[in-house]
Amino acid sequence: MPLAPLFTPPYYAVIFTSLQTGQLDGYAETARRMEELAQQQPGFLGIDSARQDLGITVSYWRSLEDIRAWRENSEHSLARESGRRRWYSQFTLRIAKVEHNYDFHLA
């Protein structure tokens, strides 16, 4: 999967880091659905995600209001509750304002 493209600052990054439990029934399907659903939300810009022992997902949003609306989405709320009950032993969520960015591509 390629990296999300750069977006014109300022914008926001929602950084979700997690450790999973061993109970992952339904996790992959729900993660795919949440990405599909997020892409339909106003203000969604893109996403980067990786998982080994530590999982990290960074989603990019145009505004704090767009992030708030995503948090209030009913299907997303149900998925968050499943994460707390079954899939995650620990997680953190951070929201950061991106004011500058740049990238590198090997030619």
PDB file of N, CA and C in Angstrom:
ATOM      1  N   MET A   1       0.845  -1.177   0.000  1.00  0.00           N
ATOM      2  CA  MET A   1       0.000   0.000   0.000  1.00  0.00           C
ATOM      3  C   MET A   1       0.892   1.242   0.000  1.00  0.00           C
ATOM      4  N   PRO A   2       0.662   2.179  -0.905  1.00  0.00           N
ATOM      5  CA  PRO A   2       1.471   3.393  -0.921  1.00  0.00           C
ATOM      6  C   PRO A   2       1.127   4.304   0.259  1.00  0.00           C
ATOM      7  N   LEU A   3       2.029   5.202   0.568  1.00  0.00           N
ATOM      8  CA  LEU A   3       1.779   6.187   1.610  1.00  0.00           C
ATOM      9  C   LEU A   3       0.719   7.174   1.144  1.00  0.00           C
ATOM     10  N   ALA A   4      -0.021   7.725   2.103  1.00  0.00           N
ATOM     11  CA  ALA A   4      -0.973   8.778   1.759  1.00  0.00           C
ATOM     12  C   ALA A   4      -0.197   9.951   1.163  1.00  0.00           C
ATOM     13  N   PRO A   5      -0.781  10.654   0.219  1.00  0.00           N
ATOM     14  CA  PRO A   5      -0.082  11.806  -0.360  1.00  0.00           C
ATOM     15  C   PRO A   5       0.017  12.947   0.650  1.00  0.00           C
ATOM     16  N   LEU A   6       0.827  13.923   0.329  1.00  0.00           N
ATOM     17  CA  LEU A   6       0.869  15.124   1.154  1.00  0.00           C
ATOM     18  C   LEU A   6      -0.358  15.966   0.855  1.00  0.00           C
ATOM     19  N   PHE A   7      -0.834  16.658   1.877  1.00  0.00           N
ATOM     20  CA  PHE A   7      -1.993  17.535   1.739  1.00  0.00           C
ATOM     21  C   PHE A   7      -1.539  18.958   2.035  1.00  0.00           C
ATOM     22  N   THR A   8      -2.303  19.919   1.598  1.00  0.00           N
ATOM     23  CA  THR A   8      -1.946  21.313   1.826  1.00  0.00           C
ATOM     24  C   THR A   8      -2.235  21.686   3.280  1.00  0.00           C
ATOM     25  N   PRO A   9      -1.204  22.056   4.035  1.00  0.00           N
ATOM     26  CA  PRO A   9      -1.408  22.464   5.426  1.00  0.00           C
ATOM     27  C   PRO A   9      -2.165  23.789   5.496  1.00  0.00           C
ATOM     28  N   PRO A  10      -2.793  24.054   6.632  1.00  0.00           N
ATOM     29  CA  PRO A  10      -2.842  23.177   7.798  1.00  0.00           C
ATOM     30  C   PRO A  10      -3.947  22.140   7.657  1.00  0.00           C
ATOM     31  N   TYR A  11      -3.727  21.014   8.288  1.00  0.00           N
ATOM     32  CA  TYR A  11      -4.723  19.958   8.417  1.00  0.00           C
ATOM     33  C   TYR A  11      -4.394  19.213   9.695  1.00  0.00           C
ATOM     34  N   TYR A  12      -5.150  18.178  10.010  1.00  0.00           N
ATOM     35  CA  TYR A  12      -4.992  17.474  11.277  1.00  0.00           C
ATOM     36  C   TYR A  12      -4.683  16.004  11.055  1.00  0.00           C
ATOM     37  N   ALA A  13      -3.869  15.466  11.949  1.00  0.00           N
ATOM     38  CA  ALA A  13      -3.546  14.039  11.953  1.00  0.00           C
ATOM     39  C   ALA A  13      -4.101  13.435  13.233  1.00  0.00           C
ATOM     40  N   VAL A  14      -4.883  12.389  13.091  1.00  0.00           N
ATOM     41  CA  VAL A  14      -5.365  11.617  14.233  1.00  0.00           C
ATOM     42  C   VAL A  14      -4.490  10.374  14.293  1.00  0.00           C
ATOM     43  N   ILE A  15      -3.724  10.248  15.365  1.00  0.00           N
ATOM     44  CA  ILE A  15      -2.724   9.189  15.501  1.00  0.00           C
ATOM     45  C   ILE A  15      -3.238   8.182  16.527  1.00  0.00           C
ATOM     46  N   PHE A  16      -3.563   6.992  16.054  1.00  0.00           N
ATOM     47  CA  PHE A  16      -4.103   5.925  16.901  1.00  0.00           C
ATOM     48  C   PHE A  16      -3.060   4.824  16.996  1.00  0.00           C
ATOM     49  N   THR A  17      -2.521   4.606  18.191  1.00  0.00           N
ATOM     50  CA  THR A  17      -1.559   3.528  18.412  1.00  0.00           C
ATOM     51  C   THR A  17      -2.210   2.503  19.332  1.00  0.00           C
ATOM     52  N   SER A  18      -1.916   1.218  19.089  1.00  0.00           N
ATOM     53  CA  SER A  18      -2.629   0.190  19.843  1.00  0.00           C
ATOM     54  C   SER A  18      -1.805  -1.077  20.022  1.00  0.00           C
ATOM     55  N   LEU A  19      -2.168  -1.794  21.072  1.00  0.00           N
ATOM     56  CA  LEU A  19      -1.709  -3.161  21.302  1.00  0.00           C
ATOM     57  C   LEU A  19      -2.961  -4.019  21.340  1.00  0.00           C
ATOM     58  N   GLN A  20      -2.916  -5.162  20.674  1.00  0.00           N
ATOM     59  CA  GLN A  20      -4.098  -6.016  20.583  1.00  0.00           C
ATOM     60  C   GLN A  20      -4.085  -7.121  21.635  1.00  0.00           C
ATOM     61  N   THR A  21      -5.278  -7.581  21.919  1.00  0.00           N
ATOM     62  CA  THR A  21      -5.451  -8.804  22.690  1.00  0.00           C
ATOM     63  C   THR A  21      -5.294  -9.957  21.699  1.00  0.00           C
ATOM     64  N   GLY A  22      -5.413 -11.180  22.141  1.00  0.00           N
ATOM     65  CA  GLY A  22      -5.373 -12.316  21.229  1.00  0.00           C
ATOM     66  C   GLY A  22      -6.720 -12.608  20.602  1.00  0.00           C
ATOM     67  N   GLN A  23      -7.757 -11.904  21.029  1.00  0.00           N
ATOM     68  CA  GLN A  23      -9.128 -12.148  20.574  1.00  0.00           C
ATOM     69  C   GLN A  23      -9.461 -11.189  19.425  1.00  0.00           C
ATOM     70  N   LEU A  24      -9.290 -11.662  18.191  1.00  0.00           N
ATOM     71  CA  LEU A  24      -9.414 -10.770  17.041  1.00  0.00           C
ATOM     72  C   LEU A  24     -10.542 -11.138  16.090  1.00  0.00           C
ATOM     73  N   ASP A  25     -11.489 -11.942  16.546  1.00  0.00           N
ATOM     74  CA  ASP A  25     -12.627 -12.293  15.699  1.00  0.00           C
ATOM     75  C   ASP A  25     -13.349 -11.033  15.243  1.00  0.00           C
ATOM     76  N   GLY A  26     -13.475 -10.870  13.940  1.00  0.00           N
ATOM     77  CA  GLY A  26     -14.181  -9.731  13.369  1.00  0.00           C
ATOM     78  C   GLY A  26     -13.351  -8.468  13.232  1.00  0.00           C
ATOM     79  N   TYR A  27     -12.131  -8.483  13.727  1.00  0.00           N
ATOM     80  CA  TYR A  27     -11.301  -7.266  13.707  1.00  0.00           C
ATOM     81  C   TYR A  27     -10.981  -6.805  12.280  1.00  0.00           C
ATOM     82  N   ALA A  28     -10.468  -7.690  11.445  1.00  0.00           N
ATOM     83  CA  ALA A  28     -10.044  -7.298  10.094  1.00  0.00           C
ATOM     84  C   ALA A  28     -11.208  -6.734   9.288  1.00  0.00           C
ATOM     85  N   GLU A  29     -12.362  -7.363   9.379  1.00  0.00           N
ATOM     86  CA  GLU A  29     -13.536  -6.889   8.649  1.00  0.00           C
ATOM     87  C   GLU A  29     -13.960  -5.507   9.137  1.00  0.00           C
ATOM     88  N   THR A  30     -13.944  -5.324  10.453  1.00  0.00           N
ATOM     89  CA  THR A  30     -14.338  -4.032  11.012  1.00  0.00           C
ATOM     90  C   THR A  30     -13.338  -2.950  10.641  1.00  0.00           C
ATOM     91  N   ALA A  31     -12.051  -3.262  10.670  1.00  0.00           N
ATOM     92  CA  ALA A  31     -11.027  -2.277  10.295  1.00  0.00           C
ATOM     93  C   ALA A  31     -11.215  -1.846   8.841  1.00  0.00           C
ATOM     94  N   ARG A  32     -11.474  -2.799   7.960  1.00  0.00           N
ATOM     95  CA  ARG A  32     -11.719  -2.457   6.546  1.00  0.00           C
ATOM     96  C   ARG A  32     -12.961  -1.578   6.407  1.00  0.00           C
ATOM     97  N   ARG A  33     -14.001  -1.937   7.123  1.00  0.00           N
ATOM     98  CA  ARG A  33     -15.244  -1.159   7.050  1.00  0.00           C
ATOM     99  C   ARG A  33     -15.036   0.259   7.576  1.00  0.00           C
ATOM    100  N   MET A  34     -14.282   0.406   8.657  1.00  0.00           N
ATOM    101  CA  MET A  34     -14.046   1.741   9.204  1.00  0.00           C
ATOM    102  C   MET A  34     -13.260   2.607   8.225  1.00  0.00           C
ATOM    103  N   GLU A  35     -12.307   2.013   7.522  1.00  0.00           N
ATOM    104  CA  GLU A  35     -11.563   2.782   6.524  1.00  0.00           C
ATOM    105  C   GLU A  35     -12.487   3.202   5.386  1.00  0.00           C
ATOM    106  N   GLU A  36     -13.332   2.300   4.918  1.00  0.00           N
ATOM    107  CA  GLU A  36     -14.294   2.637   3.859  1.00  0.00           C
ATOM    108  C   GLU A  36     -15.235   3.743   4.315  1.00  0.00           C
ATOM    109  N   LEU A  37     -15.733   3.619   5.536  1.00  0.00           N
ATOM    110  CA  LEU A  37     -16.679   4.599   6.070  1.00  0.00           C
ATOM    111  C   LEU A  37     -16.008   5.956   6.271  1.00  0.00           C
ATOM    112  N   ALA A  38     -14.784   5.962   6.794  1.00  0.00           N
ATOM    113  CA  ALA A  38     -14.057   7.222   6.995  1.00  0.00           C
ATOM    114  C   ALA A  38     -13.867   7.949   5.671  1.00  0.00           C
ATOM    115  N   GLN A  39     -13.570   7.203   4.621  1.00  0.00           N
ATOM    116  CA  GLN A  39     -13.345   7.815   3.309  1.00  0.00           C
ATOM    117  C   GLN A  39     -14.580   8.539   2.788  1.00  0.00           C
ATOM    118  N   GLN A  40     -15.748   8.192   3.297  1.00  0.00           N
ATOM    119  CA  GLN A  40     -16.991   8.823   2.875  1.00  0.00           C
ATOM    120  C   GLN A  40     -17.326  10.074   3.685  1.00  0.00           C
ATOM    121  N   GLN A  41     -16.569  10.324   4.755  1.00  0.00           N
ATOM    122  CA  GLN A  41     -16.877  11.425   5.656  1.00  0.00           C
ATOM    123  C   GLN A  41     -16.343  12.752   5.116  1.00  0.00           C
ATOM    124  N   PRO A  42     -17.118  13.822   5.280  1.00  0.00           N
ATOM    125  CA  PRO A  42     -16.620  15.146   4.885  1.00  0.00           C
ATOM    126  C   PRO A  42     -15.320  15.458   5.634  1.00  0.00           C
ATOM    127  N   GLY A  43     -14.356  16.001   4.913  1.00  0.00           N
ATOM    128  CA  GLY A  43     -13.102  16.415   5.521  1.00  0.00           C
ATOM    129  C   GLY A  43     -12.039  15.352   5.612  1.00  0.00           C
ATOM    130  N   PHE A  44     -12.368  14.102   5.284  1.00  0.00           N
ATOM    131  CA  PHE A  44     -11.366  13.035   5.307  1.00  0.00           C
ATOM    132  C   PHE A  44     -10.396  13.253   4.154  1.00  0.00           C
ATOM    133  N   LEU A  45      -9.083  13.147   4.456  1.00  0.00           N
ATOM    134  CA  LEU A  45      -8.069  13.360   3.429  1.00  0.00           C
ATOM    135  C   LEU A  45      -7.345  12.077   3.040  1.00  0.00           C
ATOM    136  N   GLY A  46      -7.024  11.219   4.017  1.00  0.00           N
ATOM    137  CA  GLY A  46      -6.273  10.005   3.715  1.00  0.00           C
ATOM    138  C   GLY A  46      -5.917   9.260   4.979  1.00  0.00           C
ATOM    139  N   ILE A  47      -5.174   8.154   4.806  1.00  0.00           N
ATOM    140  CA  ILE A  47      -4.841   7.295   5.943  1.00  0.00           C
ATOM    141  C   ILE A  47      -3.538   6.543   5.658  1.00  0.00           C
ATOM    142  N   ASP A  48      -2.764   6.341   6.699  1.00  0.00           N
ATOM    143  CA  ASP A  48      -1.601   5.461   6.697  1.00  0.00           C
ATOM    144  C   ASP A  48      -1.776   4.511   7.875  1.00  0.00           C
ATOM    145  N   SER A  49      -1.431   3.237   7.681  1.00  0.00           N
ATOM    146  CA  SER A  49      -1.612   2.269   8.756  1.00  0.00           C
ATOM    147  C   SER A  49      -0.579   1.158   8.653  1.00  0.00           C
ATOM    148  N   ALA A  50      -0.126   0.683   9.807  1.00  0.00           N
ATOM    149  CA  ALA A  50       0.821  -0.431   9.866  1.00  0.00           C
ATOM    150  C   ALA A  50       0.585  -1.190  11.164  1.00  0.00           C
ATOM    151  N   ARG A  51       0.856  -2.498  11.114  1.00  0.00           N
ATOM    152  CA  ARG A  51       0.707  -3.302  12.320  1.00  0.00           C
ATOM    153  C   ARG A  51       1.763  -4.379  12.338  1.00  0.00           C
ATOM    154  N   GLN A  52       2.490  -4.429  13.429  1.00  0.00           N
ATOM    155  CA  GLN A  52       3.342  -5.563  13.788  1.00  0.00           C
ATOM    156  C   GLN A  52       2.892  -5.901  15.202  1.00  0.00           C
ATOM    157  N   ASP A  53       3.767  -5.775  16.170  1.00  0.00           N
ATOM    158  CA  ASP A  53       3.322  -5.901  17.560  1.00  0.00           C
ATOM    159  C   ASP A  53       2.542  -4.659  17.970  1.00  0.00           C
ATOM    160  N   LEU A  54       3.056  -3.505  17.551  1.00  0.00           N
ATOM    161  CA  LEU A  54       2.401  -2.222  17.795  1.00  0.00           C
ATOM    162  C   LEU A  54       1.671  -1.818  16.526  1.00  0.00           C
ATOM    163  N   GLY A  55       0.414  -1.441  16.659  1.00  0.00           N
ATOM    164  CA  GLY A  55      -0.336  -0.946  15.511  1.00  0.00           C
ATOM    165  C   GLY A  55      -0.361   0.570  15.544  1.00  0.00           C
ATOM    166  N   ILE A  56      -0.276   1.165  14.375  1.00  0.00           N
ATOM    167  CA  ILE A  56      -0.406   2.617  14.287  1.00  0.00           C
ATOM    168  C   ILE A  56      -1.204   2.963  13.042  1.00  0.00           C
ATOM    169  N   THR A  57      -2.201   3.780  13.231  1.00  0.00           N
ATOM    170  CA  THR A  57      -3.007   4.287  12.132  1.00  0.00           C
ATOM    171  C   THR A  57      -3.051   5.794  12.269  1.00  0.00           C
ATOM    172  N   VAL A  58      -2.720   6.466  11.193  1.00  0.00           N
ATOM    173  CA  VAL A  58      -2.787   7.926  11.166  1.00  0.00           C
ATOM    174  C   VAL A  58      -3.790   8.301  10.086  1.00  0.00           C
ATOM    175  N   SER A  59      -4.860   8.960  10.506  1.00  0.00           N
ATOM    176  CA  SER A  59      -5.820   9.464   9.527  1.00  0.00           C
ATOM    177  C   SER A  59      -5.678  10.977   9.470  1.00  0.00           C
ATOM    178  N   TYR A  60      -5.928  11.522   8.288  1.00  0.00           N
ATOM    179  CA  TYR A  60      -5.711  12.944   8.034  1.00  0.00           C
ATOM    180  C   TYR A  60      -7.049  13.604   7.726  1.00  0.00           C
ATOM    181  N   TRP A  61      -7.266  14.762   8.357  1.00  0.00           N
ATOM    182  CA  TRP A  61      -8.559  15.442   8.291  1.00  0.00           C
ATOM    183  C   TRP A  61      -8.371  16.929   8.062  1.00  0.00           C
ATOM    184  N   ARG A  62      -9.313  17.527   7.395  1.00  0.00           N
ATOM    185  CA  ARG A  62      -9.270  18.952   7.088  1.00  0.00           C
ATOM    186  C   ARG A  62      -9.460  19.809   8.344  1.00  0.00           C
ATOM    187  N   SER A  63     -10.329  19.400   9.289  1.00  0.00           N
ATOM    188  CA  SER A  63     -10.627  20.270  10.440  1.00  0.00           C
ATOM    189  C   SER A  63     -10.947  19.445  11.687  1.00  0.00           C
ATOM    190  N   LEU A  64     -10.900  20.112  12.816  1.00  0.00           N
ATOM    191  CA  LEU A  64     -11.294  19.470  14.075  1.00  0.00           C
ATOM    192  C   LEU A  64     -12.782  19.127  14.064  1.00  0.00           C
ATOM    193  N   GLU A  65     -13.585  19.943  13.401  1.00  0.00           N
ATOM    194  CA  GLU A  65     -15.023  19.665  13.300  1.00  0.00           C
ATOM    195  C   GLU A  65     -15.263  18.373  12.521  1.00  0.00           C
ATOM    196  N   ASP A  66     -14.486  18.141  11.479  1.00  0.00           N
ATOM    197  CA  ASP A  66     -14.614  16.894  10.713  1.00  0.00           C
ATOM    198  C   ASP A  66     -14.234  15.685  11.575  1.00  0.00           C
ATOM    199  N   ILE A  67     -13.200  15.826  12.383  1.00  0.00           N
ATOM    200  CA  ILE A  67     -12.790  14.745  13.297  1.00  0.00           C
ATOM    201  C   ILE A  67     -13.898  14.481  14.300  1.00  0.00           C
ATOM    202  N   ARG A  68     -14.486  15.530  14.831  1.00  0.00           N
ATOM    203  CA  ARG A  68     -15.571  15.384  15.809  1.00  0.00           C
ATOM    204  C   ARG A  68     -16.765  14.664  15.182  1.00  0.00           C
ATOM    205  N   ALA A  69     -17.103  15.029  13.959  1.00  0.00           N
ATOM    206  CA  ALA A  69     -18.226  14.380  13.278  1.00  0.00           C
ATOM    207  C   ALA A  69     -17.937  12.897  13.060  1.00  0.00           C
ATOM    208  N   TRP A  70     -16.712  12.536  12.710  1.00  0.00           N
ATOM    209  CA  TRP A  70     -16.327  11.142  12.546  1.00  0.00           C
ATOM    210  C   TRP A  70     -16.468  10.396  13.865  1.00  0.00           C
ATOM    211  N   ARG A  71     -16.026  11.013  14.948  1.00  0.00           N
ATOM    212  CA  ARG A  71     -16.143  10.386  16.269  1.00  0.00           C
ATOM    213  C   ARG A  71     -17.611  10.122  16.620  1.00  0.00           C
ATOM    214  N   GLU A  72     -18.488  10.986  16.191  1.00  0.00           N
ATOM    215  CA  GLU A  72     -19.910  10.851  16.514  1.00  0.00           C
ATOM    216  C   GLU A  72     -20.667   9.925  15.570  1.00  0.00           C
ATOM    217  N   ASN A  73     -20.034   9.430  14.519  1.00  0.00           N
ATOM    218  CA  ASN A  73     -20.666   8.500  13.599  1.00  0.00           C
ATOM    219  C   ASN A  73     -21.076   7.241  14.371  1.00  0.00           C
ATOM    220  N   SER A  74     -22.315   6.822  14.245  1.00  0.00           N
ATOM    221  CA  SER A  74     -22.834   5.721  15.066  1.00  0.00           C
ATOM    222  C   SER A  74     -22.133   4.393  14.786  1.00  0.00           C
ATOM    223  N   GLU A  75     -21.830   4.094  13.542  1.00  0.00           N
ATOM    224  CA  GLU A  75     -21.146   2.838  13.229  1.00  0.00           C
ATOM    225  C   GLU A  75     -19.712   2.848  13.769  1.00  0.00           C
ATOM    226  N   HIS A  76     -19.058   4.002  13.692  1.00  0.00           N
ATOM    227  CA  HIS A  76     -17.711   4.151  14.253  1.00  0.00           C
ATOM    228  C   HIS A  76     -17.751   3.994  15.779  1.00  0.00           C
ATOM    229  N   SER A  77     -18.784   4.526  16.412  1.00  0.00           N
ATOM    230  CA  SER A  77     -18.929   4.386  17.870  1.00  0.00           C
ATOM    231  C   SER A  77     -19.053   2.919  18.276  1.00  0.00           C
ATOM    232  N   LEU A  78     -19.819   2.146  17.529  1.00  0.00           N
ATOM    233  CA  LEU A  78     -19.962   0.712  17.819  1.00  0.00           C
ATOM    234  C   LEU A  78     -18.627  -0.015  17.653  1.00  0.00           C
ATOM    235  N   ALA A  79     -17.878   0.332  16.623  1.00  0.00           N
ATOM    236  CA  ALA A  79     -16.567  -0.293  16.406  1.00  0.00           C
ATOM    237  C   ALA A  79     -15.606   0.060  17.540  1.00  0.00           C
ATOM    238  N   ARG A  80     -15.642   1.302  18.011  1.00  0.00           N
ATOM    239  CA  ARG A  80     -14.774   1.694  19.142  1.00  0.00           C
ATOM    240  C   ARG A  80     -15.101   0.875  20.381  1.00  0.00           C
ATOM    241  N   GLU A  81     -16.367   0.660  20.635  1.00  0.00           N
ATOM    242  CA  GLU A  81     -16.763  -0.141  21.806  1.00  0.00           C
ATOM    243  C   GLU A  81     -16.299  -1.586  21.673  1.00  0.00           C
ATOM    244  N   SER A  82     -16.375  -2.152  20.479  1.00  0.00           N
ATOM    245  CA  SER A  82     -15.856  -3.508  20.260  1.00  0.00           C
ATOM    246  C   SER A  82     -14.355  -3.546  20.514  1.00  0.00           C
ATOM    247  N   GLY A  83     -13.662  -2.509  20.095  1.00  0.00           N
ATOM    248  CA  GLY A  83     -12.223  -2.433  20.345  1.00  0.00           C
ATOM    249  C   GLY A  83     -11.905  -2.448  21.828  1.00  0.00           C
ATOM    250  N   ARG A  84     -12.640  -1.692  22.595  1.00  0.00           N
ATOM    251  CA  ARG A  84     -12.423  -1.647  24.050  1.00  0.00           C
ATOM    252  C   ARG A  84     -12.759  -2.985  24.711  1.00  0.00           C
ATOM    253  N   ARG A  85     -13.815  -3.608  24.271  1.00  0.00           N
ATOM    254  CA  ARG A  85     -14.265  -4.862  24.888  1.00  0.00           C
ATOM    255  C   ARG A  85     -13.435  -6.066  24.484  1.00  0.00           C
ATOM    256  N   ARG A  86     -12.964  -6.100  23.199  1.00  0.00           N
ATOM    257  CA  ARG A  86     -12.390  -7.346  22.693  1.00  0.00           C
ATOM    258  C   ARG A  86     -10.996  -7.232  22.106  1.00  0.00           C
ATOM    259  N   TRP A  87     -10.726  -6.230  21.286  1.00  0.00           N
ATOM    260  CA  TRP A  87      -9.556  -6.273  20.419  1.00  0.00           C
ATOM    261  C   TRP A  87      -8.305  -5.613  20.966  1.00  0.00           C
ATOM    262  N   TYR A  88      -8.450  -4.613  21.835  1.00  0.00           N
ATOM    263  CA  TYR A  88      -7.287  -3.864  22.296  1.00  0.00           C
ATOM    264  C   TYR A  88      -7.018  -4.072  23.773  1.00  0.00           C
ATOM    265  N   SER A  89      -5.752  -4.300  24.091  1.00  0.00           N
ATOM    266  CA  SER A  89      -5.351  -4.323  25.500  1.00  0.00           C
ATOM    267  C   SER A  89      -4.938  -2.920  25.943  1.00  0.00           C
ATOM    268  N   GLN A  90      -4.551  -2.099  24.981  1.00  0.00           N
ATOM    269  CA  GLN A  90      -4.163  -0.712  25.271  1.00  0.00           C
ATOM    270  C   GLN A  90      -4.205   0.081  23.972  1.00  0.00           C
ATOM    271  N   PHE A  91      -4.592   1.349  24.064  1.00  0.00           N
ATOM    272  CA  PHE A  91      -4.467   2.236  22.907  1.00  0.00           C
ATOM    273  C   PHE A  91      -4.327   3.674  23.363  1.00  0.00           C
ATOM    274  N   THR A  92      -3.780   4.484  22.481  1.00  0.00           N
ATOM    275  CA  THR A  92      -3.727   5.931  22.688  1.00  0.00           C
ATOM    276  C   THR A  92      -4.211   6.605  21.411  1.00  0.00           C
ATOM    277  N   LEU A  93      -4.777   7.778  21.584  1.00  0.00           N
ATOM    278  CA  LEU A  93      -5.222   8.579  20.462  1.00  0.00           C
ATOM    279  C   LEU A  93      -4.691   9.992  20.667  1.00  0.00           C
ATOM    280  N   ARG A  94      -4.057  10.512  19.648  1.00  0.00           N
ATOM    281  CA  ARG A  94      -3.521  11.867  19.694  1.00  0.00           C
ATOM    282  C   ARG A  94      -3.999  12.606  18.449  1.00  0.00           C
ATOM    283  N   ILE A  95      -4.265  13.883  18.617  1.00  0.00           N
ATOM    284  CA  ILE A  95      -4.652  14.724  17.489  1.00  0.00           C
ATOM    285  C   ILE A  95      -3.624  15.843  17.389  1.00  0.00           C
ATOM    286  N   ALA A  96      -3.034  15.993  16.192  1.00  0.00           N
ATOM    287  CA  ALA A  96      -1.997  16.990  15.981  1.00  0.00           C
ATOM    288  C   ALA A  96      -2.328  17.836  14.756  1.00  0.00           C
ATOM    289  N   LYS A  97      -2.014  19.097  14.836  1.00  0.00           N
ATOM    290  CA  LYS A  97      -2.168  19.992  13.697  1.00  0.00           C
ATOM    291  C   LYS A  97      -0.890  19.932  12.866  1.00  0.00           C
ATOM    292  N   VAL A  98      -1.041  19.644  11.587  1.00  0.00           N
ATOM    293  CA  VAL A  98       0.100  19.592  10.675  1.00  0.00           C
ATOM    294  C   VAL A  98       0.226  20.964  10.024  1.00  0.00           C
ATOM    295  N   GLU A  99       1.363  21.595  10.259  1.00  0.00           N
ATOM    296  CA  GLU A  99       1.586  22.925   9.715  1.00  0.00           C
ATOM    297  C   GLU A  99       2.595  22.933   8.563  1.00  0.00           C
ATOM    298  N   HIS A 100       3.349  21.852   8.451  1.00  0.00           N
ATOM    299  CA  HIS A 100       4.357  21.749   7.399  1.00  0.00           C
ATOM    300  C   HIS A 100       4.568  20.273   7.085  1.00  0.00           C
ATOM    301  N   ASN A 101       4.849  19.967   5.823  1.00  0.00           N
ATOM    302  CA  ASN A 101       5.184  18.593   5.472  1.00  0.00           C
ATOM    303  C   ASN A 101       6.065  18.570   4.232  1.00  0.00           C
ATOM    304  N   TYR A 102       6.748  17.484   4.041  1.00  0.00           N
ATOM    305  CA  TYR A 102       7.534  17.254   2.832  1.00  0.00           C
ATOM    306  C   TYR A 102       7.711  15.770   2.670  1.00  0.00           C
ATOM    307  N   ASP A 103       8.150  15.335   1.505  1.00  0.00           N
ATOM    308  CA  ASP A 103       8.330  13.906   1.287  1.00  0.00           C
ATOM    309  C   ASP A 103       9.600  13.629   0.485  1.00  0.00           C
ATOM    310  N   PHE A 104       9.909  12.362   0.347  1.00  0.00           N
ATOM    311  CA  PHE A 104      11.080  11.889  -0.374  1.00  0.00           C
ATOM    312  C   PHE A 104      10.669  10.686  -1.205  1.00  0.00           C
ATOM    313  N   HIS A 105      11.140  10.613  -2.404  1.00  0.00           N
ATOM    314  CA  HIS A 105      10.932   9.462  -3.275  1.00  0.00           C
ATOM    315  C   HIS A 105      12.278   9.064  -3.854  1.00  0.00           C
ATOM    316  N   LEU A 106      12.654   7.820  -3.713  1.00  0.00           N
ATOM    317  CA  LEU A 106      13.864   7.322  -4.339  1.00  0.00           C
ATOM    318  C   LEU A 106      13.636   7.268  -5.840  1.00  0.00           C
ATOM    319  N   ALA A 107      14.516   7.886  -6.579  1.00  0.00           N
ATOM    320  CA  ALA A 107      14.332   7.963  -8.030  1.00  0.00           C
ATOM    321  C   ALA A 107      14.622   6.645  -8.705  1.00  0.00           C
TER     322      ALA A 107
END
